[in-house]
Amino acid sequence: MKSGRRFAISAVIAVAMLAVAGCQQTQQIKAATPDPALSSAGRNFVDQVQQQTAAERALATVARDESTNKSIKQYADMMIKDDTQSLQKLSDLEQKYKLKEPAASDAAQSKEVEQLKRSSRRTLDKEFLKLSTDDEDKLLKAVKDEANSAADPDLRDYANNLLPVLENEVKAAEKLQPHKSKRPARS
C-alpha cells in the first residue's frame, strides 16, 4: 500500500516538474520572439488612414444629422458604417504592433467638419459631397499604394480588403453628384 502511494506521489511530482519545465521553455521562446514591428512607412500609413477615416466619419455624421436629402443620409450612413469597421480593423493592427493611436484628426480636418456644420441647408449636400470625395480620393490613393507596395503582409491585406469598400464609396458619391450638362465641343 505504501509503495503504491509512493508511486502515485512520485508520478504527481514528475508531472508537475514536466509542466514547470514546459512553461519555462514557452517563456524562453516568447522572450526570444521579437515584438512585431512596422517600418516607418507602415506606421505613417496607419496614422494617415486612421486620421482620414476618422475625419471622413465625422463629416458623414454631420451630413447624416443635418441633411434633408434621403440619398445623402443613406450615403452618409454607409460611410459611417464602413469607416467604423475600417477603424476597428485598424485598431486591431495598432494593438498587434503596439502602436499608439494618433490624434483623432488634424486641424485641417477639424476645419472641414466645422465648415460643413456652418453650411446652409441649401449648400450642405454639395459641400459634403465635395469634401468627402476629396478625402476619399486621397485615401484611395494611399490605400492603393499600400496594397501594391506594403512590406508587411498585415498592412497589405488590410489595404486590399479596404480597396473595394473605398471604391464602392466613390461610385456611390459619383451617383449623387449633380450631372453637368455636356456642351458640344466647339470647332
C-alpha atoms as a PDB file:
ATOM      1  CA  MET A   1       0.000   0.000   0.000  1.00  0.00           C
ATOM      2  CA  LYS A   2       2.829   2.307   0.947  1.00  0.00           C
ATOM      3  CA  SER A   3       4.669   1.567  -2.300  1.00  0.00           C
ATOM      4  CA  GLY A   4       1.536   2.379  -4.329  1.00  0.00           C
ATOM      5  CA  ARG A   5       1.158   5.647  -2.514  1.00  0.00           C
ATOM      6  CA  ARG A   6       4.822   6.493  -3.049  1.00  0.00           C
ATOM      7  CA  PHE A   7       4.486   5.691  -6.716  1.00  0.00           C
ATOM      8  CA  ALA A   8       1.432   7.986  -7.044  1.00  0.00           C
ATOM      9  CA  ILE A   9       3.224  10.823  -5.235  1.00  0.00           C
ATOM     10  CA  SER A  10       6.307  10.335  -7.406  1.00  0.00           C
ATOM     11  CA  ALA A  11       4.158  10.392 -10.543  1.00  0.00           C
ATOM     12  CA  VAL A  12       2.450  13.625  -9.468  1.00  0.00           C
ATOM     13  CA  ILE A  13       5.819  15.235  -8.719  1.00  0.00           C
ATOM     14  CA  ALA A  14       7.197  14.107 -12.102  1.00  0.00           C
ATOM     15  CA  VAL A  15       4.194  15.531 -13.968  1.00  0.00           C
ATOM     16  CA  ALA A  16       4.492  18.805 -12.066  1.00  0.00           C
ATOM     17  CA  MET A  17       8.195  19.056 -12.907  1.00  0.00           C
ATOM     18  CA  LEU A  18       7.461  18.430 -16.591  1.00  0.00           C
ATOM     19  CA  ALA A  19       4.765  21.117 -16.551  1.00  0.00           C
ATOM     20  CA  VAL A  20       7.125  23.639 -14.957  1.00  0.00           C
ATOM     21  CA  ALA A  21       9.847  22.808 -17.498  1.00  0.00           C
ATOM     22  CA  GLY A  22       7.350  23.208 -20.336  1.00  0.00           C
ATOM     23  CA  CYS A  23       6.240  26.602 -19.045  1.00  0.00           C
ATOM     24  CA  GLN A  24       9.833  27.760 -18.739  1.00  0.00           C
ATOM     25  CA  GLN A  25      10.550  26.653 -22.287  1.00  0.00           C
ATOM     26  CA  THR A  26       7.459  28.503 -23.567  1.00  0.00           C
ATOM     27  CA  GLN A  27       8.567  31.659 -21.751  1.00  0.00           C
ATOM     28  CA  GLN A  28      12.035  31.361 -23.264  1.00  0.00           C
ATOM     29  CA  ILE A  29      10.549  31.029 -26.754  1.00  0.00           C
ATOM     30  CA  LYS A  30       8.332  34.051 -26.170  1.00  0.00           C
ATOM     31  CA  ALA A  31      11.289  36.057 -24.907  1.00  0.00           C
ATOM     32  CA  ALA A  32      13.311  35.119 -27.995  1.00  0.00           C
ATOM     33  CA  THR A  33      10.478  36.132 -30.348  1.00  0.00           C
ATOM     34  CA  PRO A  34      10.665  39.867 -31.030  1.00  0.00           C
ATOM     35  CA  ASP A  35       7.571  42.036 -30.857  1.00  0.00           C
ATOM     36  CA  PRO A  36       6.137  42.693 -34.295  1.00  0.00           C
ATOM     37  CA  ALA A  37       7.348  45.960 -35.726  1.00  0.00           C
ATOM     38  CA  LEU A  38       6.284  48.129 -38.613  1.00  0.00           C
ATOM     39  CA  SER A  39       8.516  50.202 -40.805  1.00  0.00           C
ATOM     40  CA  SER A  40       8.187  53.955 -40.543  1.00  0.00           C
ATOM     41  CA  ALA A  41       6.315  53.890 -43.866  1.00  0.00           C
ATOM     42  CA  GLY A  42       3.890  51.352 -42.397  1.00  0.00           C
ATOM     43  CA  ARG A  43       3.354  53.483 -39.281  1.00  0.00           C
ATOM     44  CA  ASN A  44       2.786  56.551 -41.468  1.00  0.00           C
ATOM     45  CA  PHE A  45       0.194  54.651 -43.491  1.00  0.00           C
ATOM     46  CA  VAL A  46      -1.638  53.516 -40.350  1.00  0.00           C
ATOM     47  CA  ASP A  47      -1.649  57.085 -38.983  1.00  0.00           C
ATOM     48  CA  GLN A  48      -2.838  58.549 -42.297  1.00  0.00           C
ATOM     49  CA  VAL A  49      -5.665  56.056 -42.700  1.00  0.00           C
ATOM     50  CA  GLN A  50      -6.739  56.460 -39.081  1.00  0.00           C
ATOM     51  CA  GLN A  51      -6.860  60.251 -39.304  1.00  0.00           C
ATOM     52  CA  GLN A  52      -8.530  60.440 -42.711  1.00  0.00           C
ATOM     53  CA  THR A  53     -11.086  57.756 -41.877  1.00  0.00           C
ATOM     54  CA  ALA A  54     -11.971  59.412 -38.557  1.00  0.00           C
ATOM     55  CA  ALA A  55     -12.367  62.779 -40.306  1.00  0.00           C
ATOM     56  CA  GLU A  56     -14.460  61.198 -43.053  1.00  0.00           C
ATOM     57  CA  ARG A  57     -16.708  59.591 -40.453  1.00  0.00           C
ATOM     58  CA  ALA A  58     -17.096  62.963 -38.699  1.00  0.00           C
ATOM     59  CA  LEU A  59     -18.124  64.624 -41.981  1.00  0.00           C
ATOM     60  CA  ALA A  60     -20.585  61.817 -42.692  1.00  0.00           C
ATOM     61  CA  THR A  61     -22.089  62.172 -39.213  1.00  0.00           C
ATOM     62  CA  VAL A  62     -22.737  65.878 -39.782  1.00  0.00           C
ATOM     63  CA  ALA A  63     -24.288  65.151 -43.182  1.00  0.00           C
ATOM     64  CA  ARG A  64     -26.474  62.378 -41.794  1.00  0.00           C
ATOM     65  CA  ASP A  65     -27.702  64.597 -38.960  1.00  0.00           C
ATOM     66  CA  GLU A  66     -28.176  67.814 -40.938  1.00  0.00           C
ATOM     67  CA  SER A  67     -29.148  66.870 -44.496  1.00  0.00           C
ATOM     68  CA  THR A  68     -32.747  66.674 -45.608  1.00  0.00           C
ATOM     69  CA  ASN A  69     -31.856  64.599 -48.684  1.00  0.00           C
ATOM     70  CA  LYS A  70     -32.658  60.920 -48.152  1.00  0.00           C
ATOM     71  CA  SER A  71     -29.967  59.768 -50.602  1.00  0.00           C
ATOM     72  CA  ILE A  72     -27.303  61.862 -48.862  1.00  0.00           C
ATOM     73  CA  LYS A  73     -28.381  60.461 -45.494  1.00  0.00           C
ATOM     74  CA  GLN A  74     -28.131  56.891 -46.840  1.00  0.00           C
ATOM     75  CA  TYR A  75     -24.695  57.581 -48.317  1.00  0.00           C
ATOM     76  CA  ALA A  76     -23.551  59.129 -45.024  1.00  0.00           C
ATOM     77  CA  ASP A  77     -24.871  56.101 -43.100  1.00  0.00           C
ATOM     78  CA  MET A  78     -22.951  53.780 -45.427  1.00  0.00           C
ATOM     79  CA  MET A  79     -19.762  55.809 -44.887  1.00  0.00           C
ATOM     80  CA  ILE A  80     -20.197  55.805 -41.114  1.00  0.00           C
ATOM     81  CA  LYS A  81     -20.684  52.018 -41.092  1.00  0.00           C
ATOM     82  CA  ASP A  82     -17.721  51.394 -43.429  1.00  0.00           C
ATOM     83  CA  ASP A  83     -15.457  53.815 -41.581  1.00  0.00           C
ATOM     84  CA  THR A  84     -16.335  52.361 -38.187  1.00  0.00           C
ATOM     85  CA  GLN A  85     -15.457  48.870 -39.420  1.00  0.00           C
ATOM     86  CA  SER A  86     -12.258  50.128 -41.019  1.00  0.00           C
ATOM     87  CA  LEU A  87     -11.210  51.904 -37.833  1.00  0.00           C
ATOM     88  CA  GLN A  88     -11.893  48.771 -35.765  1.00  0.00           C
ATOM     89  CA  LYS A  89      -9.677  46.667 -38.031  1.00  0.00           C
ATOM     90  CA  LEU A  90      -7.032  49.370 -37.894  1.00  0.00           C
ATOM     91  CA  SER A  91      -7.270  49.441 -34.097  1.00  0.00           C
ATOM     92  CA  ASP A  92      -6.627  45.686 -34.071  1.00  0.00           C
ATOM     93  CA  LEU A  93      -3.464  46.253 -36.128  1.00  0.00           C
ATOM     94  CA  GLU A  94      -2.396  49.081 -33.827  1.00  0.00           C
ATOM     95  CA  GLN A  95      -2.746  46.746 -30.847  1.00  0.00           C
ATOM     96  CA  LYS A  96      -0.863  43.946 -32.595  1.00  0.00           C
ATOM     97  CA  TYR A  97       2.031  46.261 -33.424  1.00  0.00           C
ATOM     98  CA  LYS A  98       1.772  48.134 -30.123  1.00  0.00           C
ATOM     99  CA  LEU A  99       1.213  51.473 -31.852  1.00  0.00           C
ATOM    100  CA  LYS A 100      -0.273  54.486 -30.164  1.00  0.00           C
ATOM    101  CA  GLU A 101      -3.375  55.810 -31.826  1.00  0.00           C
ATOM    102  CA  PRO A 102      -2.747  59.231 -33.355  1.00  0.00           C
ATOM    103  CA  ALA A 103      -4.874  62.232 -32.513  1.00  0.00           C
ATOM    104  CA  ALA A 104      -8.373  61.825 -33.926  1.00  0.00           C
ATOM    105  CA  SER A 105      -7.816  64.378 -36.663  1.00  0.00           C
ATOM    106  CA  ASP A 106      -5.599  67.243 -37.573  1.00  0.00           C
ATOM    107  CA  ALA A 107      -6.569  70.909 -37.683  1.00  0.00           C
ATOM    108  CA  ALA A 108      -7.425  70.897 -41.391  1.00  0.00           C
ATOM    109  CA  GLN A 109      -9.850  68.010 -40.957  1.00  0.00           C
ATOM    110  CA  SER A 110     -11.492  69.644 -37.944  1.00  0.00           C
ATOM    111  CA  LYS A 111     -11.786  72.771 -40.042  1.00  0.00           C
ATOM    112  CA  GLU A 112     -13.632  70.768 -42.712  1.00  0.00           C
ATOM    113  CA  VAL A 113     -16.125  69.478 -40.149  1.00  0.00           C
ATOM    114  CA  GLU A 114     -16.730  72.998 -38.815  1.00  0.00           C
ATOM    115  CA  GLN A 115     -17.098  74.290 -42.371  1.00  0.00           C
ATOM    116  CA  LEU A 116     -19.732  71.657 -43.086  1.00  0.00           C
ATOM    117  CA  LYS A 117     -21.574  72.407 -39.842  1.00  0.00           C
ATOM    118  CA  ARG A 118     -21.793  76.076 -40.835  1.00  0.00           C
ATOM    119  CA  SER A 119     -23.164  75.263 -44.310  1.00  0.00           C
ATOM    120  CA  SER A 120     -26.702  76.265 -45.046  1.00  0.00           C
ATOM    121  CA  ARG A 121     -29.215  73.508 -45.666  1.00  0.00           C
ATOM    122  CA  ARG A 122     -29.157  74.546 -49.318  1.00  0.00           C
ATOM    123  CA  THR A 123     -25.407  74.023 -49.723  1.00  0.00           C
ATOM    124  CA  LEU A 124     -24.760  71.273 -47.162  1.00  0.00           C
ATOM    125  CA  ASP A 125     -25.203  68.310 -49.513  1.00  0.00           C
ATOM    126  CA  LYS A 126     -22.995  69.789 -52.215  1.00  0.00           C
ATOM    127  CA  GLU A 127     -20.318  70.758 -49.684  1.00  0.00           C
ATOM    128  CA  PHE A 128     -20.438  67.323 -48.064  1.00  0.00           C
ATOM    129  CA  LEU A 129     -20.010  65.556 -51.398  1.00  0.00           C
ATOM    130  CA  LYS A 130     -17.105  67.814 -52.330  1.00  0.00           C
ATOM    131  CA  LEU A 131     -15.303  67.373 -49.004  1.00  0.00           C
ATOM    132  CA  SER A 132     -15.933  63.651 -48.738  1.00  0.00           C
ATOM    133  CA  THR A 133     -14.891  62.881 -52.320  1.00  0.00           C
ATOM    134  CA  ASP A 134     -11.699  64.940 -51.936  1.00  0.00           C
ATOM    135  CA  ASP A 135     -10.867  62.995 -48.772  1.00  0.00           C
ATOM    136  CA  GLU A 136     -11.894  59.713 -50.373  1.00  0.00           C
ATOM    137  CA  ASP A 137      -9.611  60.317 -53.365  1.00  0.00           C
ATOM    138  CA  LYS A 138      -6.606  60.945 -51.087  1.00  0.00           C
ATOM    139  CA  LEU A 139      -7.382  57.882 -49.003  1.00  0.00           C
ATOM    140  CA  LEU A 140      -7.965  55.697 -52.055  1.00  0.00           C
ATOM    141  CA  LYS A 141      -4.572  56.654 -53.500  1.00  0.00           C
ATOM    142  CA  ALA A 142      -2.773  55.889 -50.222  1.00  0.00           C
ATOM    143  CA  VAL A 143      -4.560  52.542 -49.867  1.00  0.00           C
ATOM    144  CA  LYS A 144      -3.803  51.536 -53.482  1.00  0.00           C
ATOM    145  CA  ASP A 145      -0.142  52.387 -52.959  1.00  0.00           C
ATOM    146  CA  GLU A 146      -0.025  50.340 -49.753  1.00  0.00           C
ATOM    147  CA  ALA A 147      -1.839  47.394 -51.355  1.00  0.00           C
ATOM    148  CA  ASN A 148       0.805  47.325 -54.098  1.00  0.00           C
ATOM    149  CA  SER A 149       3.931  48.012 -52.084  1.00  0.00           C
ATOM    150  CA  ALA A 150       3.442  47.147 -48.407  1.00  0.00           C
ATOM    151  CA  ALA A 151       6.286  45.126 -46.948  1.00  0.00           C
ATOM    152  CA  ASP A 152       4.093  43.981 -44.073  1.00  0.00           C
ATOM    153  CA  PRO A 153       1.558  41.285 -45.046  1.00  0.00           C
ATOM    154  CA  ASP A 154      -0.970  42.501 -42.434  1.00  0.00           C
ATOM    155  CA  LEU A 155      -0.981  46.014 -43.895  1.00  0.00           C
ATOM    156  CA  ARG A 156      -1.129  44.674 -47.437  1.00  0.00           C
ATOM    157  CA  ASP A 157      -4.154  42.506 -46.504  1.00  0.00           C
ATOM    158  CA  TYR A 158      -5.802  45.425 -44.714  1.00  0.00           C
ATOM    159  CA  ALA A 159      -5.284  47.665 -47.761  1.00  0.00           C
ATOM    160  CA  ASN A 160      -6.514  45.004 -50.196  1.00  0.00           C
ATOM    161  CA  ASN A 161      -9.649  44.461 -48.108  1.00  0.00           C
ATOM    162  CA  LEU A 162     -10.262  48.205 -47.795  1.00  0.00           C
ATOM    163  CA  LEU A 163      -9.884  48.942 -51.528  1.00  0.00           C
ATOM    164  CA  PRO A 164     -13.278  47.591 -52.674  1.00  0.00           C
ATOM    165  CA  VAL A 165     -15.004  49.391 -49.801  1.00  0.00           C
ATOM    166  CA  LEU A 166     -13.469  52.726 -50.811  1.00  0.00           C
ATOM    167  CA  GLU A 167     -14.176  52.113 -54.492  1.00  0.00           C
ATOM    168  CA  ASN A 168     -17.813  51.416 -53.625  1.00  0.00           C
ATOM    169  CA  GLU A 169     -17.992  54.687 -51.669  1.00  0.00           C
ATOM    170  CA  VAL A 170     -16.513  56.596 -54.624  1.00  0.00           C
ATOM    171  CA  LYS A 171     -19.075  55.080 -57.002  1.00  0.00           C
ATOM    172  CA  ALA A 172     -21.908  55.914 -54.608  1.00  0.00           C
ATOM    173  CA  ALA A 173     -20.688  59.516 -54.337  1.00  0.00           C
ATOM    174  CA  GLU A 174     -20.456  59.819 -58.126  1.00  0.00           C
ATOM    175  CA  LYS A 175     -24.099  58.765 -58.422  1.00  0.00           C
ATOM    176  CA  LEU A 176     -25.056  61.571 -56.035  1.00  0.00           C
ATOM    177  CA  GLN A 177     -23.096  64.265 -57.870  1.00  0.00           C
ATOM    178  CA  PRO A 178     -25.276  66.601 -59.905  1.00  0.00           C
ATOM    179  CA  HIS A 179     -24.837  65.838 -63.577  1.00  0.00           C
ATOM    180  CA  LYS A 180     -23.310  68.681 -65.517  1.00  0.00           C
ATOM    181  CA  SER A 181     -24.667  69.165 -68.981  1.00  0.00           C
ATOM    182  CA  LYS A 182     -22.153  68.362 -71.642  1.00  0.00           C
ATOM    183  CA  ARG A 183     -21.765  71.004 -74.273  1.00  0.00           C
ATOM    184  CA  PRO A 184     -20.746  70.033 -77.742  1.00  0.00           C
ATOM    185  CA  ALA A 185     -17.103  70.813 -78.460  1.00  0.00           C
ATOM    186  CA  ARG A 186     -16.557  73.993 -80.427  1.00  0.00           C
ATOM    187  CA  SER A 187     -14.874  73.732 -83.762  1.00  0.00           C
END
